[in-house]
Amino acid sequence: MEYTGMKKKLPIGIDDFCKIREEGFYYVDKTAMICDLLNAWGEVNLFTRPRRFGKSLNMSMLKTFLEIGCDKSLFDGLAISREKALCDDYMGKFPVISISLKSVSGENYDAALSQLCNVMGNEASRFAFLTESDRLSENEKNRYRQLTASDPAGETVYSMSEDALKSSLQTLSMLLRKHYGKKVVILIDEYDVPLAQANEQGYYKKMADLIRSMFDQALKTNDNLYFAVLTGCLRIAKESIFTGLNNLTVFSISTVRFDEYFGFTDGEVREILSYYGFEDKYDVIKKWYDGYRFGNMDVYCPWDMISYCFELTGNPGARPRDYWSNTSGNAAVRHLIEKAGNEQTKSEIEALVAGETIEKEIYEDLTYNNLYDTIDNLWSVLFATGYLTRCGASDEDPASQYRMTDEDTNICQLAIPNREIRRIFTRQITAYFNSMVRKNSQRFEAFCEALKTGDAENTQKLLTSYLYDSIAVRDSSTQKDKKEILYHGLMIGILANIDGWKAKTNADSGDGYCDVRVEIEREDIGMIIEFKYADNARLTTGCEDAMAQIERMDYTRELKRMGYRTIYKYGIACFKKKCKVVCEKEDYVPEE
């Protein structure tokens, strides 16, 4: 089926394959995945990818293709339609149970249990014809009715017992097989969302027990199962959820097979840009949204790519921005920064933000209740969730991205994939620094006192302590003036916490724009603060240059115009985490 007419619509937030194909949305053809999946054959297949990389849309595609009653025209012109023998054997030939657990996020276990009952009840209700099936006994029909029973109290739509919920996937697959005479395909999207939420809210063990019981009965000891596909963000250790599930095949972000089916390849991005006439945006899109490496494939985040193109259709001058953080709590980044108590971890975070790489061992089998226990686990979580990616592999030797030790462990080079993720790191770093400033009130008050009295020695001492305690947000490739911005940004972060102080960055002053201008109206004090990045640690020269610029550009003019009588002029030179501060006081007396 091909949509004709005006340009196809961009599918913002749409993960329903049928809707995309029926209603004329742009579709990046991933249907070859069906052929590879069926040819590779695994009874239970788990795909782990970060959020917003097309997992749900691929699951919808699988359901549409395999389910009895398939509208075959939806696949016209797509890659899978060229596999005629496979289409004849599999298209529209199976009963399919398809659930998504992404909405199971209760604040407590009972709330999550109700949500999970609704998920299963809604899916079971698609098969209402089972109550009329002449292939089912009355007892079997009653078992079906247990899955779709309404809650008499009206608190939830469905109210099956906990035992019925645990066996719901197995029960439904048994009933469908008896009705159709065919084994069942089970699709479970975002299987680990309930576990993630349970871990955050403190009921992980109960939820893990529930999910394990459901999976055991549906995937491990289920004679009615033809095959199953699960997707999730993390690969949970087998001893936690997939106990004894020997038929499980895991395709993680490190797996080469299926590496092109989640995320957009460079060729697919170029096709989209050409179709909509945005070829000139290729370079900026690559810098912002590319950089992820799955298997041996470099891919872009589809959510970001589609969202930015959608903005461009309404505003060709739109600048790229962060779309991903609005769909995730960024908890892993926050936990890493909060745990960065030693200089080694701080320096590694600083290196990543600066565009450099670090070497870490990656553990792909974790459990949610120990994700944040250690810094080592956190690096693995950041890798699995897309905040970090592998790098360093060559086309000739894809395995070069890993260095195997004598203990046969995976050690690989990690980097922040793109500008969007770098901004998420920097915002989390800034937020943590601001909270840290407020917590140490004694140092904070001492710094304020030193600054407003022109005490350059103590200002230097305390600012140096802030620099050593902070995680530097720098970029080794930036120009000198850009590095200076990072330091006066840190100063603004400190000053923003002071009641009664007005601090402005890049303030219009005299014949230009000073780095920071401070006004303390109730004490009739004004300040000009100019930063210089001191190459090769030439701090004294940097301070002299800063003070000379304040005089040359007459930065104090605006403070004088506003009537401030006491004005402090600060020249601050910085090099990495060292600084030097000089200060001159000017008592201004307005002319009568």
Protein backbone atom coordinates (compact mmCIF):
# COMPACT_ATOMS: atom_id res chain seq x y z
CA MET A 1 0.00 0.00 0.00
CA GLU A 2 1.39 3.41 -0.94
CA TYR A 3 0.07 6.74 0.24
CA THR A 4 -0.27 9.31 -2.52
CA GLY A 5 -0.76 13.06 -2.42
CA MET A 6 1.09 15.60 -0.31
CA LYS A 7 4.19 14.79 1.73
CA LYS A 8 3.69 12.02 4.21
CA LYS A 9 3.10 13.05 7.81
CA LEU A 10 5.82 12.52 10.40
CA PRO A 11 4.77 9.93 13.04
CA ILE A 12 5.42 11.86 16.24
CA GLY A 13 4.90 9.46 19.13
CA ILE A 14 3.03 6.91 16.97
CA ASP A 15 4.14 3.32 17.47
CA ASP A 16 1.15 1.62 15.83
CA PHE A 17 2.30 0.04 12.57
CA CYS A 18 -1.23 -0.18 11.13
CA LYS A 19 -1.96 3.50 11.81
CA ILE A 20 1.31 4.59 10.22
CA ARG A 21 0.66 2.57 7.07
CA GLU A 22 -3.07 3.27 6.78
CA GLU A 23 -2.98 7.01 7.45
CA GLY A 24 -0.08 8.12 5.32
CA PHE A 25 2.73 8.57 7.83
CA TYR A 26 6.38 8.31 6.84
CA TYR A 27 7.69 4.82 7.62
CA VAL A 28 11.32 3.75 7.75
CA ASP A 29 11.16 0.17 6.49
CA LYS A 30 12.32 -2.25 9.18
CA THR A 31 10.28 -5.22 7.94
CA ALA A 32 13.39 -7.18 6.95
CA MET A 33 13.67 -7.83 10.68
CA ILE A 34 10.72 -10.25 10.34
CA CYS A 35 12.64 -12.39 7.87
CA ASP A 36 15.81 -12.38 9.97
CA LEU A 37 13.89 -13.21 13.13
CA LEU A 38 12.03 -16.15 11.60
CA ASN A 39 15.14 -17.48 9.87
CA ALA A 40 17.35 -17.16 12.96
CA TRP A 41 14.69 -18.80 15.10
CA GLY A 42 14.74 -18.64 18.86
CA GLU A 43 11.82 -19.80 20.96
CA VAL A 44 12.10 -16.82 23.32
CA ASN A 45 13.88 -13.70 22.02
CA LEU A 46 14.79 -10.66 24.12
CA PHE A 47 15.82 -7.39 22.48
CA THR A 48 17.32 -4.77 24.79
CA ARG A 49 17.63 -1.20 23.56
CA PRO A 50 17.39 2.27 25.13
CA ARG A 51 14.07 4.07 25.26
CA ARG A 52 12.79 5.69 22.06
CA PHE A 53 14.66 3.49 19.60
CA GLY A 54 11.67 1.90 17.87
CA LYS A 55 11.08 -1.18 20.01
CA SER A 56 7.31 -0.67 20.30
CA LEU A 57 6.85 0.04 16.59
CA ASN A 58 8.78 -3.11 15.69
CA MET A 59 6.59 -5.14 18.05
CA SER A 60 3.49 -3.66 16.45
CA MET A 61 4.91 -4.58 13.04
CA LEU A 62 5.46 -8.19 14.16
CA LYS A 63 1.94 -8.45 15.58
CA THR A 64 0.40 -7.04 12.39
CA PHE A 65 2.36 -9.43 10.18
CA LEU A 66 1.83 -12.64 12.16
CA GLU A 67 -1.71 -12.27 13.52
CA ILE A 68 -4.63 -14.12 11.99
CA GLY A 69 -6.65 -11.63 9.94
CA CYS A 70 -3.58 -9.70 8.78
CA ASP A 71 -4.24 -6.98 6.19
CA LYS A 72 -1.56 -8.02 3.73
CA SER A 73 -1.79 -4.76 1.79
CA LEU A 74 -0.09 -2.97 4.70
CA PHE A 75 3.17 -4.63 3.68
CA ASP A 76 2.95 -3.85 -0.04
CA GLY A 77 6.19 -2.35 -1.29
CA LEU A 78 8.09 -3.11 1.90
CA ALA A 79 11.16 -5.35 2.16
CA ILE A 80 9.30 -8.33 3.61
CA SER A 81 6.89 -8.45 0.65
CA ARG A 82 9.78 -9.65 -1.50
CA GLU A 83 10.08 -12.82 0.64
CA LYS A 84 7.10 -14.59 -0.95
CA ALA A 85 7.70 -18.06 0.49
CA LEU A 86 8.12 -16.71 4.01
CA CYS A 87 4.98 -14.56 3.66
CA ASP A 88 3.01 -17.59 2.49
CA ASP A 89 4.17 -19.60 5.50
CA TYR A 90 3.85 -16.98 8.26
CA MET A 91 1.81 -13.92 7.30
CA GLY A 92 -1.53 -13.93 9.12
CA LYS A 93 -1.09 -17.50 10.35
CA PHE A 94 -0.91 -17.22 14.17
CA PRO A 95 -2.96 -16.18 17.18
CA VAL A 96 -0.92 -13.39 18.80
CA ILE A 97 -0.95 -12.16 22.39
CA SER A 98 0.61 -8.69 22.46
CA ILE A 99 1.01 -6.64 25.62
CA SER A 100 3.02 -3.58 26.59
CA LEU A 101 4.09 -3.07 30.21
CA LYS A 102 5.24 0.52 29.73
CA SER A 103 2.18 1.85 31.61
CA VAL A 104 2.72 -0.30 34.71
CA SER A 105 4.27 2.30 36.99
CA GLY A 106 2.32 2.26 40.24
CA GLU A 107 3.56 4.13 43.30
CA ASN A 108 3.00 0.97 45.33
CA TYR A 109 2.57 -2.75 44.67
CA ASP A 110 -1.24 -2.73 44.79
CA ALA A 111 -1.43 0.10 42.26
CA ALA A 112 1.01 -1.69 39.95
CA LEU A 113 -0.94 -4.92 40.37
CA SER A 114 -4.14 -3.17 39.28
CA GLN A 115 -2.40 -1.67 36.26
CA LEU A 116 -1.01 -5.06 35.26
CA CYS A 117 -4.49 -6.57 35.59
CA ASN A 118 -5.78 -3.87 33.25
CA VAL A 119 -3.06 -4.63 30.71
CA MET A 120 -3.90 -8.32 30.69
CA GLY A 121 -7.65 -7.70 30.85
CA ASN A 122 -7.55 -5.34 27.89
CA GLU A 123 -5.59 -7.83 25.83
CA ALA A 124 -7.86 -10.73 26.80
CA SER A 125 -10.93 -8.69 25.88
CA ARG A 126 -9.75 -8.66 22.23
CA PHE A 127 -10.70 -12.34 22.13
CA ALA A 128 -14.31 -12.09 23.38
CA PHE A 129 -15.29 -14.68 20.74
CA LEU A 130 -13.77 -17.32 23.01
CA THR A 131 -16.93 -17.29 25.13
CA GLU A 132 -18.81 -18.57 22.07
CA SER A 133 -16.17 -21.02 20.86
CA ASP A 134 -17.45 -24.56 20.31
CA ARG A 135 -13.90 -25.82 20.84
CA LEU A 136 -13.77 -24.73 24.48
CA SER A 137 -15.44 -26.38 27.42
CA GLU A 138 -17.60 -24.37 29.80
CA ASN A 139 -14.86 -24.59 32.39
CA GLU A 140 -12.35 -23.15 29.90
CA LYS A 141 -14.76 -20.35 29.04
CA ASN A 142 -15.05 -19.56 32.73
CA ARG A 143 -11.25 -19.35 32.96
CA TYR A 144 -11.39 -16.80 30.14
CA ARG A 145 -14.09 -14.83 31.98
CA GLN A 146 -11.78 -14.60 35.02
CA LEU A 147 -9.33 -12.63 32.86
CA THR A 148 -11.95 -10.09 31.79
CA ALA A 149 -13.98 -9.78 35.00
CA SER A 150 -14.86 -6.21 35.95
CA ASP A 151 -14.11 -4.80 39.38
CA PRO A 152 -17.46 -4.35 41.15
CA ALA A 153 -16.03 -1.47 43.19
CA GLY A 154 -15.18 0.36 40.00
CA GLU A 155 -11.61 1.07 41.09
CA THR A 156 -10.13 -0.73 38.10
CA VAL A 157 -11.54 -1.99 34.84
CA TYR A 158 -10.40 -5.55 35.48
CA SER A 159 -10.09 -7.41 38.76
CA MET A 160 -8.59 -10.86 38.26
CA SER A 161 -7.00 -12.47 41.30
CA GLU A 162 -3.24 -12.39 41.72
CA ASP A 163 -3.05 -16.13 40.99
CA ALA A 164 -5.13 -15.65 37.83
CA LEU A 165 -2.80 -12.82 36.78
CA LYS A 166 0.29 -14.98 37.27
CA SER A 167 -1.13 -17.61 34.92
CA SER A 168 -2.91 -15.17 32.58
CA LEU A 169 -0.46 -15.39 29.67
CA GLN A 170 -0.36 -19.17 29.87
CA THR A 171 -4.15 -19.42 30.24
CA LEU A 172 -4.87 -17.12 27.30
CA SER A 173 -2.36 -18.93 25.07
CA MET A 174 -3.94 -22.29 25.96
CA LEU A 175 -7.44 -21.03 25.12
CA LEU A 176 -6.33 -19.49 21.82
CA ARG A 177 -4.50 -22.63 20.78
CA LYS A 178 -7.56 -24.78 21.47
CA HIS A 179 -9.79 -22.39 19.53
CA TYR A 180 -7.51 -21.99 16.49
CA GLY A 181 -5.67 -25.28 16.61
CA LYS A 182 -2.40 -23.35 16.30
CA LYS A 183 0.36 -22.49 18.73
CA VAL A 184 0.53 -18.89 19.90
CA VAL A 185 3.02 -16.04 19.46
CA ILE A 186 3.54 -13.93 22.60
CA LEU A 187 4.89 -10.37 22.33
CA ILE A 188 5.81 -8.48 25.51
CA ASP A 189 6.97 -4.90 25.02
CA GLU A 190 8.95 -2.99 27.70
CA TYR A 191 8.94 -5.99 30.03
CA ASP A 192 11.20 -4.28 32.58
CA VAL A 193 9.29 -1.02 33.16
CA PRO A 194 7.35 -2.45 36.15
CA LEU A 195 10.64 -3.63 37.65
CA ALA A 196 12.28 -0.24 37.22
CA GLN A 197 9.35 1.53 38.86
CA ALA A 198 9.16 -1.04 41.66
CA ASN A 199 12.83 -0.52 42.39
CA GLU A 200 12.36 3.26 42.60
CA GLN A 201 9.31 2.93 44.85
CA GLY A 202 10.55 0.17 47.13
CA TYR A 203 8.55 -2.93 46.21
CA TYR A 204 11.00 -4.61 43.85
CA LYS A 205 10.98 -8.10 45.39
CA LYS A 206 7.20 -8.50 45.18
CA MET A 207 7.08 -7.25 41.59
CA ALA A 208 10.04 -9.43 40.57
CA ASP A 209 8.30 -12.47 42.04
CA LEU A 210 5.12 -11.64 40.11
CA ILE A 211 6.85 -11.06 36.77
CA ARG A 212 8.98 -14.18 37.23
CA SER A 213 5.88 -16.30 37.86
CA MET A 214 4.12 -14.89 34.78
CA PHE A 215 7.14 -15.53 32.58
CA ASP A 216 7.82 -18.99 33.97
CA GLN A 217 4.32 -20.19 33.11
CA ALA A 218 4.12 -18.42 29.74
CA LEU A 219 7.64 -18.87 28.37
CA LYS A 220 9.24 -21.79 30.18
CA THR A 221 6.61 -24.50 30.64
CA ASN A 222 4.06 -23.55 27.99
CA ASP A 223 3.34 -26.20 25.35
CA ASN A 224 1.05 -23.73 23.59
CA LEU A 225 3.88 -21.31 22.74
CA TYR A 226 5.19 -21.12 19.18
CA PHE A 227 7.68 -18.39 19.94
CA ALA A 228 7.94 -15.18 21.96
CA VAL A 229 9.60 -11.79 21.60
CA LEU A 230 10.30 -9.45 24.50
CA THR A 231 11.77 -5.97 24.50
CA GLY A 232 13.20 -3.94 27.32
CA CYS A 233 15.80 -1.43 28.31
CA LEU A 234 18.01 -3.70 30.37
CA ARG A 235 18.98 -7.35 30.20
CA ILE A 236 17.96 -8.57 33.63
CA ALA A 237 20.05 -11.37 35.09
CA LYS A 238 18.55 -14.81 34.48
CA GLU A 239 18.59 -15.70 38.16
CA SER A 240 16.36 -12.71 38.84
CA ILE A 241 13.54 -12.93 36.28
CA PHE A 242 14.35 -15.58 33.69
CA THR A 243 15.18 -18.37 36.13
CA GLY A 244 15.75 -21.62 34.28
CA LEU A 245 14.63 -20.14 30.97
CA ASN A 246 17.13 -22.05 28.85
CA ASN A 247 15.32 -21.21 25.61
CA LEU A 248 16.05 -17.46 25.95
CA THR A 249 18.14 -15.75 23.25
CA VAL A 250 19.28 -12.22 24.11
CA PHE A 251 20.03 -9.59 21.47
CA SER A 252 21.56 -6.69 23.40
CA ILE A 253 23.06 -3.46 22.10
CA SER A 254 26.36 -5.33 21.81
CA THR A 255 24.90 -8.02 19.52
CA VAL A 256 25.70 -7.70 15.82
CA ARG A 257 22.61 -9.59 14.61
CA PHE A 258 19.59 -7.24 14.24
CA ASP A 259 21.82 -4.21 14.85
CA GLU A 260 20.24 -2.16 12.02
CA TYR A 261 16.60 -2.60 13.06
CA PHE A 262 16.50 -0.34 16.11
CA GLY A 263 17.38 3.27 15.38
CA PHE A 264 17.92 4.98 12.03
CA THR A 265 21.01 4.24 9.97
CA ASP A 266 22.87 7.04 8.25
CA GLY A 267 21.37 6.06 4.89
CA GLU A 268 17.85 6.14 6.31
CA VAL A 269 18.44 9.60 7.79
CA ARG A 270 19.70 10.91 4.45
CA GLU A 271 16.58 9.54 2.75
CA ILE A 272 14.30 11.29 5.25
CA LEU A 273 16.14 14.59 4.86
CA SER A 274 16.03 14.31 1.07
CA TYR A 275 12.30 13.51 1.09
CA TYR A 276 11.45 16.59 3.17
CA GLY A 277 14.07 18.86 1.61
CA PHE A 278 16.22 19.24 4.71
CA GLU A 279 19.53 18.03 3.28
CA ASP A 280 21.27 21.14 4.63
CA LYS A 281 20.49 19.98 8.19
CA TYR A 282 22.44 16.74 7.88
CA ASP A 283 25.60 17.91 9.68
CA VAL A 284 23.81 19.41 12.66
CA ILE A 285 21.50 16.39 13.00
CA LYS A 286 24.50 14.08 12.96
CA LYS A 287 26.20 16.05 15.74
CA TRP A 288 23.09 16.14 17.90
CA TYR A 289 21.38 12.78 17.41
CA ASP A 290 23.87 10.30 15.91
CA GLY A 291 26.66 8.46 17.71
CA TYR A 292 24.97 5.35 19.12
CA ARG A 293 26.60 2.06 18.25
CA PHE A 294 24.51 -1.11 18.30
CA GLY A 295 26.49 -4.19 17.31
CA ASN A 296 28.57 -2.96 14.37
CA MET A 297 26.05 -0.33 13.26
CA ASP A 298 26.13 3.42 13.98
CA VAL A 299 22.58 4.69 14.45
CA TYR A 300 20.59 7.83 15.22
CA CYS A 301 17.85 8.10 17.82
CA PRO A 302 14.57 7.91 15.83
CA TRP A 303 12.55 9.91 18.36
CA ASP A 304 14.94 12.86 18.18
CA MET A 305 15.34 12.68 14.43
CA ILE A 306 11.58 12.63 13.74
CA SER A 307 10.84 15.29 16.40
CA TYR A 308 13.40 17.72 14.96
CA CYS A 309 12.23 17.15 11.38
CA PHE A 310 8.67 17.84 12.53
CA GLU A 311 9.78 21.19 13.97
CA LEU A 312 11.60 21.99 10.74
CA THR A 313 8.42 21.47 8.71
CA GLY A 314 6.84 24.36 10.63
CA ASN A 315 9.98 26.44 11.15
CA PRO A 316 12.88 25.80 8.73
CA GLY A 317 15.11 27.85 11.02
CA ALA A 318 14.41 25.75 14.12
CA ARG A 319 17.48 24.86 16.12
CA PRO A 320 18.06 21.31 17.40
CA ARG A 321 17.22 20.69 21.03
CA ASP A 322 16.95 17.97 23.61
CA TYR A 323 13.86 15.82 23.00
CA TRP A 324 14.98 12.67 24.77
CA SER A 325 15.13 13.93 28.36
CA ASN A 326 11.42 14.74 28.24
CA THR A 327 10.75 10.99 27.88
CA SER A 328 13.06 9.81 30.65
CA GLY A 329 13.86 10.78 34.21
CA ASN A 330 17.63 10.60 33.60
CA ALA A 331 17.93 8.80 36.95
CA ALA A 332 21.08 6.91 35.98
CA VAL A 333 22.99 10.11 35.18
CA ARG A 334 21.78 11.70 38.42
CA HIS A 335 22.85 8.68 40.48
CA LEU A 336 26.30 8.65 38.85
CA ILE A 337 26.92 12.32 39.61
CA GLU A 338 25.68 11.95 43.18
CA LYS A 339 28.01 8.98 43.74
CA ALA A 340 31.03 10.70 42.20
CA GLY A 341 32.74 11.18 45.56
CA ASN A 342 36.30 10.39 44.52
CA GLU A 343 38.61 12.22 42.17
CA GLN A 344 38.88 9.23 39.82
CA THR A 345 35.14 9.18 39.06
CA LYS A 346 34.97 12.98 38.82
CA SER A 347 37.83 13.03 36.33
CA GLU A 348 36.15 10.29 34.27
CA ILE A 349 32.87 12.23 34.10
CA GLU A 350 34.81 15.38 33.18
CA ALA A 351 36.61 13.49 30.42
CA LEU A 352 33.32 12.21 28.99
CA VAL A 353 31.71 15.65 29.00
CA ALA A 354 34.85 17.01 27.32
CA GLY A 355 34.33 14.62 24.41
CA GLU A 356 36.96 12.10 25.49
CA THR A 357 36.63 8.35 26.15
CA ILE A 358 37.06 6.20 29.22
CA GLU A 359 37.69 2.47 29.54
CA LYS A 360 35.26 0.45 31.64
CA GLU A 361 34.18 -3.14 32.16
CA ILE A 362 30.55 -3.65 31.13
CA TYR A 363 28.20 -5.99 32.97
CA GLU A 364 25.15 -6.82 30.88
CA ASP A 365 23.45 -9.08 33.43
CA LEU A 366 22.20 -6.91 36.28
CA THR A 367 19.16 -6.76 38.54
CA TYR A 368 17.22 -3.59 39.15
CA ASN A 369 17.64 -3.76 42.90
CA ASN A 370 21.43 -3.44 42.58
CA LEU A 371 21.71 -1.09 39.61
CA TYR A 372 22.91 1.82 41.69
CA ASP A 373 24.84 -0.09 44.35
CA THR A 374 28.26 0.60 42.87
CA ILE A 375 29.88 2.98 40.43
CA ASP A 376 30.85 -0.03 38.29
CA ASN A 377 27.19 -1.01 37.94
CA LEU A 378 26.25 2.56 37.06
CA TRP A 379 28.66 2.65 34.12
CA SER A 380 26.97 -0.49 32.78
CA VAL A 381 23.50 1.02 33.27
CA LEU A 382 24.50 4.20 31.42
CA PHE A 383 25.82 2.06 28.58
CA ALA A 384 22.66 -0.07 28.36
CA THR A 385 20.31 2.92 28.52
CA GLY A 386 22.01 4.95 25.78
CA TYR A 387 23.72 7.67 27.82
CA LEU A 388 27.07 6.18 26.88
CA THR A 389 28.05 4.25 23.80
CA ARG A 390 30.89 2.11 22.57
CA CYS A 391 33.55 3.57 20.33
CA GLY A 392 36.91 2.69 18.93
CA ALA A 393 35.93 -0.22 16.68
CA SER A 394 37.27 -0.33 13.15
CA ASP A 395 35.46 -1.66 10.11
CA GLU A 396 38.25 -4.18 9.61
CA ASP A 397 38.10 -5.41 13.21
CA PRO A 398 34.71 -4.76 14.83
CA ALA A 399 35.80 -6.67 17.91
CA SER A 400 38.46 -4.01 18.58
CA GLN A 401 35.88 -2.05 20.57
CA TYR A 402 36.39 -4.64 23.30
CA ARG A 403 39.54 -5.56 25.17
CA MET A 404 39.24 -9.00 26.73
CA THR A 405 41.21 -9.56 29.93
CA ASP A 406 42.54 -12.84 31.28
CA GLU A 407 39.32 -13.14 33.28
CA ASP A 408 37.36 -13.00 30.03
CA THR A 409 35.59 -9.75 30.95
CA ASN A 410 34.27 -7.10 28.60
CA ILE A 411 36.25 -3.90 28.85
CA CYS A 412 35.37 -1.31 26.23
CA GLN A 413 35.86 2.32 25.33
CA LEU A 414 32.89 4.48 26.31
CA ALA A 415 31.89 7.96 25.18
CA ILE A 416 28.90 10.28 25.32
CA PRO A 417 27.25 9.73 21.93
CA ASN A 418 26.20 13.24 20.91
CA ARG A 419 25.45 16.83 21.89
CA GLU A 420 21.96 16.06 23.15
CA ILE A 421 23.20 13.57 25.75
CA ARG A 422 26.08 15.87 26.66
CA ARG A 423 23.53 18.54 27.55
CA ILE A 424 21.70 16.09 29.80
CA PHE A 425 24.96 15.43 31.65
CA THR A 426 25.78 19.12 32.01
CA ARG A 427 22.31 19.99 33.32
CA GLN A 428 22.49 17.21 35.91
CA ILE A 429 25.98 18.33 36.92
CA THR A 430 24.83 21.92 37.31
CA ALA A 431 21.76 20.93 39.33
CA TYR A 432 23.88 18.79 41.65
CA PHE A 433 26.46 21.55 42.11
CA ASN A 434 23.74 24.06 42.99
CA SER A 435 22.28 21.71 45.60
CA MET A 436 25.76 21.10 47.01
CA VAL A 437 26.33 24.86 47.33
CA ARG A 438 23.15 25.26 49.36
CA LYS A 439 23.97 22.36 51.68
CA ASN A 440 27.34 23.74 52.86
CA SER A 441 25.99 26.98 54.32
CA GLN A 442 29.17 27.85 56.24
CA ARG A 443 31.37 27.86 53.14
CA PHE A 444 28.64 29.57 51.12
CA GLU A 445 28.28 32.43 53.62
CA ALA A 446 32.06 32.82 53.85
CA PHE A 447 32.31 33.08 50.07
CA CYS A 448 29.57 35.72 49.93
CA GLU A 449 31.25 37.74 52.65
CA ALA A 450 34.64 37.59 50.96
CA LEU A 451 33.20 38.56 47.59
CA LYS A 452 31.18 41.55 48.80
CA THR A 453 34.07 42.96 50.87
CA GLY A 454 36.71 42.72 48.16
CA ASP A 455 38.67 40.00 50.01
CA ALA A 456 40.53 38.57 47.02
CA GLU A 457 42.57 36.11 49.08
CA ASN A 458 39.59 34.35 50.66
CA THR A 459 37.54 34.59 47.46
CA GLN A 460 40.36 32.76 45.68
CA LYS A 461 40.64 30.14 48.43
CA LEU A 462 36.92 29.41 48.53
CA LEU A 463 36.43 29.49 44.75
CA THR A 464 39.28 26.99 44.41
CA SER A 465 37.50 24.69 46.87
CA TYR A 466 34.33 24.92 44.78
CA LEU A 467 36.30 24.09 41.64
CA TYR A 468 37.82 21.00 43.27
CA ASP A 469 34.46 19.84 44.60
CA SER A 470 32.63 20.38 41.33
CA ILE A 471 32.61 18.29 38.18
CA ALA A 472 34.06 20.52 35.50
CA VAL A 473 31.87 20.99 32.45
CA ARG A 474 34.44 21.60 29.78
CA ASP A 475 35.22 20.63 26.23
CA SER A 476 38.87 20.10 25.33
CA SER A 477 38.15 21.10 21.73
CA THR A 478 36.55 24.45 22.50
CA GLN A 479 38.15 27.83 21.95
CA LYS A 480 39.62 29.77 24.84
CA ASP A 481 36.67 32.19 25.16
CA LYS A 482 34.26 29.24 25.31
CA LYS A 483 36.23 27.75 28.21
CA GLU A 484 35.91 31.05 30.08
CA ILE A 485 32.12 30.82 29.76
CA LEU A 486 32.18 27.56 31.72
CA TYR A 487 33.83 29.27 34.70
CA HIS A 488 31.57 32.27 34.83
CA GLY A 489 28.65 29.85 34.45
CA LEU A 490 29.84 28.14 37.64
CA MET A 491 30.04 31.53 39.37
CA ILE A 492 26.48 32.34 38.33
CA GLY A 493 25.43 28.98 39.77
CA ILE A 494 26.82 30.01 43.16
CA LEU A 495 25.49 33.57 43.10
CA ALA A 496 22.01 32.47 42.06
CA ASN A 497 21.53 31.05 45.56
CA ILE A 498 22.04 34.39 47.36
CA ASP A 499 18.94 36.27 48.45
CA GLY A 500 19.04 39.94 47.58
CA TRP A 501 21.84 39.61 45.01
CA LYS A 502 21.14 40.15 41.33
CA ALA A 503 23.70 38.42 39.13
CA LYS A 504 23.66 38.69 35.36
CA THR A 505 25.91 36.92 32.90
CA ASN A 506 27.11 38.64 29.71
CA ALA A 507 25.63 41.87 31.03
CA ASP A 508 25.55 45.00 28.85
CA SER A 509 28.17 47.20 30.48
CA GLY A 510 30.10 50.18 29.12
CA ASP A 511 31.44 49.47 25.66
CA GLY A 512 30.74 45.74 25.71
CA TYR A 513 29.49 42.82 27.76
CA CYS A 514 31.16 41.83 31.00
CA ASP A 515 31.17 38.20 32.11
CA VAL A 516 29.25 38.75 35.34
CA ARG A 517 27.66 41.84 36.87
CA VAL A 518 26.39 41.73 40.45
CA GLU A 519 24.10 44.22 42.17
CA ILE A 520 23.43 44.26 45.93
CA GLU A 521 20.94 47.08 46.21
CA ARG A 522 20.36 47.02 49.96
CA GLU A 523 24.10 47.44 50.62
CA ASP A 524 24.76 49.78 47.67
CA ILE A 525 27.42 47.44 46.28
CA GLY A 526 28.08 46.56 42.65
CA MET A 527 30.60 44.14 41.17
CA ILE A 528 32.15 43.43 37.80
CA ILE A 529 33.70 39.97 37.45
CA GLU A 530 35.77 39.14 34.39
CA PHE A 531 37.17 35.64 33.76
CA LYS A 532 40.17 34.61 31.71
CA TYR A 533 41.24 31.09 30.86
CA ALA A 534 44.97 30.96 31.59
CA ASP A 535 46.71 28.78 29.03
CA ASN A 536 49.71 26.95 30.51
CA ALA A 537 48.59 28.07 34.01
CA ARG A 538 49.74 31.67 33.48
CA LEU A 539 47.33 32.84 36.16
CA THR A 540 48.96 36.20 36.97
CA THR A 541 48.96 37.22 33.32
CA GLY A 542 45.34 36.13 33.04
CA CYS A 543 44.29 38.34 35.95
CA GLU A 544 46.17 41.30 34.50
CA ASP A 545 44.40 40.80 31.15
CA ALA A 546 41.01 40.62 32.87
CA MET A 547 41.56 43.83 34.85
CA ALA A 548 42.84 45.64 31.77
CA GLN A 549 39.71 44.63 29.85
CA ILE A 550 37.45 45.96 32.62
CA GLU A 551 39.17 49.36 32.37
CA ARG A 552 39.42 49.41 28.59
CA MET A 553 35.76 48.56 28.05
CA ASP A 554 34.58 50.77 30.93
CA TYR A 555 32.48 47.93 32.35
CA THR A 556 31.68 49.86 35.54
CA ARG A 557 29.79 52.58 33.64
CA GLU A 558 26.38 50.95 33.98
CA LEU A 559 26.80 50.38 37.74
CA LYS A 560 27.72 54.04 38.14
CA ARG A 561 24.74 55.10 36.09
CA MET A 562 22.51 53.13 38.47
CA GLY A 563 24.07 54.98 41.42
CA TYR A 564 26.14 52.29 43.14
CA ARG A 565 28.69 53.92 45.46
CA THR A 566 30.92 50.90 46.18
CA ILE A 567 32.14 48.97 43.15
CA TYR A 568 34.45 45.95 43.16
CA LYS A 569 36.31 44.98 40.02
CA TYR A 570 37.37 41.31 39.98
CA GLY A 571 39.81 39.72 37.56
CA ILE A 572 39.76 35.93 37.85
CA ALA A 573 42.10 33.64 35.93
CA CYS A 574 41.39 29.91 35.79
CA PHE A 575 43.27 26.88 34.57
CA LYS A 576 41.53 23.55 35.05
CA LYS A 577 40.78 23.56 38.81
CA LYS A 578 43.19 26.29 39.80
CA CYS A 579 42.38 29.98 39.97
CA LYS A 580 43.83 33.33 40.94
CA VAL A 581 41.72 36.30 42.02
CA VAL A 582 42.62 40.00 42.10
CA CYS A 583 40.28 42.79 43.15
CA GLU A 584 40.23 46.55 43.05
CA LYS A 585 37.74 48.69 44.93
CA GLU A 586 36.35 51.89 43.43
CA ASP A 587 34.36 54.34 45.54
CA TYR A 588 32.11 56.23 43.18
CA VAL A 589 30.83 59.68 44.08
CA PRO A 590 28.26 61.00 41.61
CA GLU A 591 28.80 64.55 40.38
CA GLU A 592 26.28 67.08 41.68
